[in-house]
């Protein structure tokens, strides 16, 4: 979902009288910036699946380095 979709969803829900205190999304930087700057009353968190995936990718990349082979085993 892109930033425009998020803006439309927020405006629709707010026009319906819904107060959004917590918002969870993927790791889209544009969405995070928009919520931080324009929706200051809402807390923004990243979906745990996306966070775990990026950590796994970083560990796999690190595991390819010399003397770090055991890190690659942990990433699986």
Protein backbone atom coordinates (compact mmCIF):
# COMPACT_ATOMS: atom_id res chain seq x y z
CA UNK A 1 0.00 0.00 0.00
CA UNK A 2 1.39 3.36 -0.90
CA UNK A 3 1.21 6.69 0.88
CA UNK A 4 -1.81 7.92 -1.07
CA UNK A 5 -3.78 4.83 -0.04
CA UNK A 6 -2.86 5.38 3.59
CA UNK A 7 -3.94 9.02 3.40
CA UNK A 8 -7.29 8.02 1.91
CA UNK A 9 -7.85 5.35 4.56
CA UNK A 10 -6.98 7.74 7.38
CA UNK A 11 -9.24 10.50 6.05
CA UNK A 12 -12.13 8.08 5.51
CA UNK A 13 -11.86 6.62 9.00
CA UNK A 14 -11.45 10.02 10.62
CA UNK A 15 -14.49 11.38 8.73
CA UNK A 16 -16.43 8.39 10.09
CA UNK A 17 -15.43 9.42 13.62
CA UNK A 18 -12.79 6.73 14.20
CA UNK A 19 -9.77 7.80 16.25
CA UNK A 20 -6.59 5.98 15.16
CA UNK A 21 -4.20 5.69 18.10
CA UNK A 22 -1.93 2.92 16.75
CA UNK A 23 -1.12 2.15 13.13
CA UNK A 24 0.86 -0.91 11.99
CA UNK A 25 2.27 -1.15 8.47
CA UNK A 26 5.11 -2.58 6.45
CA UNK A 27 8.46 -0.82 6.44
CA UNK A 28 7.53 1.75 3.79
CA UNK A 29 9.59 4.87 4.55
CA UNK A 30 7.10 7.24 2.93
CA UNK A 31 4.26 5.99 5.10
CA UNK A 32 6.41 6.25 8.23
CA UNK A 33 7.34 9.84 7.37
CA UNK A 34 3.75 10.82 6.57
CA UNK A 35 2.45 9.43 9.86
CA UNK A 36 5.29 11.02 11.81
CA UNK A 37 4.70 14.46 10.27
CA UNK A 38 0.95 14.59 9.56
CA UNK A 39 -0.65 12.17 12.02
CA UNK A 40 1.11 13.13 15.22
CA UNK A 41 -1.66 11.71 17.41
CA UNK A 42 -1.08 8.19 15.99
CA UNK A 43 1.72 5.86 17.05
CA UNK A 44 3.29 3.95 14.15
CA UNK A 45 4.79 0.48 14.41
CA UNK A 46 6.21 -1.90 11.83
CA UNK A 47 4.70 -5.31 11.17
CA UNK A 48 6.81 -7.93 12.96
CA UNK A 49 6.97 -10.15 9.87
CA UNK A 50 8.67 -7.40 7.87
CA UNK A 51 11.10 -6.66 10.70
CA UNK A 52 12.01 -10.34 11.08
CA UNK A 53 12.50 -10.68 7.33
CA UNK A 54 14.95 -7.77 7.18
CA UNK A 55 16.90 -9.13 10.16
CA UNK A 56 17.09 -12.53 8.45
CA UNK A 57 18.38 -10.93 5.25
CA UNK A 58 21.03 -9.00 7.17
CA UNK A 59 22.13 -12.16 9.00
CA UNK A 60 22.34 -14.11 5.73
CA UNK A 61 24.47 -11.37 4.20
CA UNK A 62 26.72 -11.28 7.27
CA UNK A 63 27.01 -15.07 7.19
CA UNK A 64 28.67 -14.89 3.78
CA UNK A 65 31.61 -12.98 5.24
CA UNK A 66 34.77 -14.80 6.23
CA UNK A 67 34.71 -16.25 9.77
CA UNK A 68 30.96 -15.58 10.14
CA UNK A 69 29.59 -18.82 8.71
CA UNK A 70 27.72 -19.70 11.92
CA UNK A 71 25.61 -16.57 11.62
CA UNK A 72 24.18 -17.88 8.33
CA UNK A 73 23.02 -21.03 10.15
CA UNK A 74 21.08 -18.89 12.65
CA UNK A 75 19.31 -17.02 9.87
CA UNK A 76 17.63 -20.19 8.57
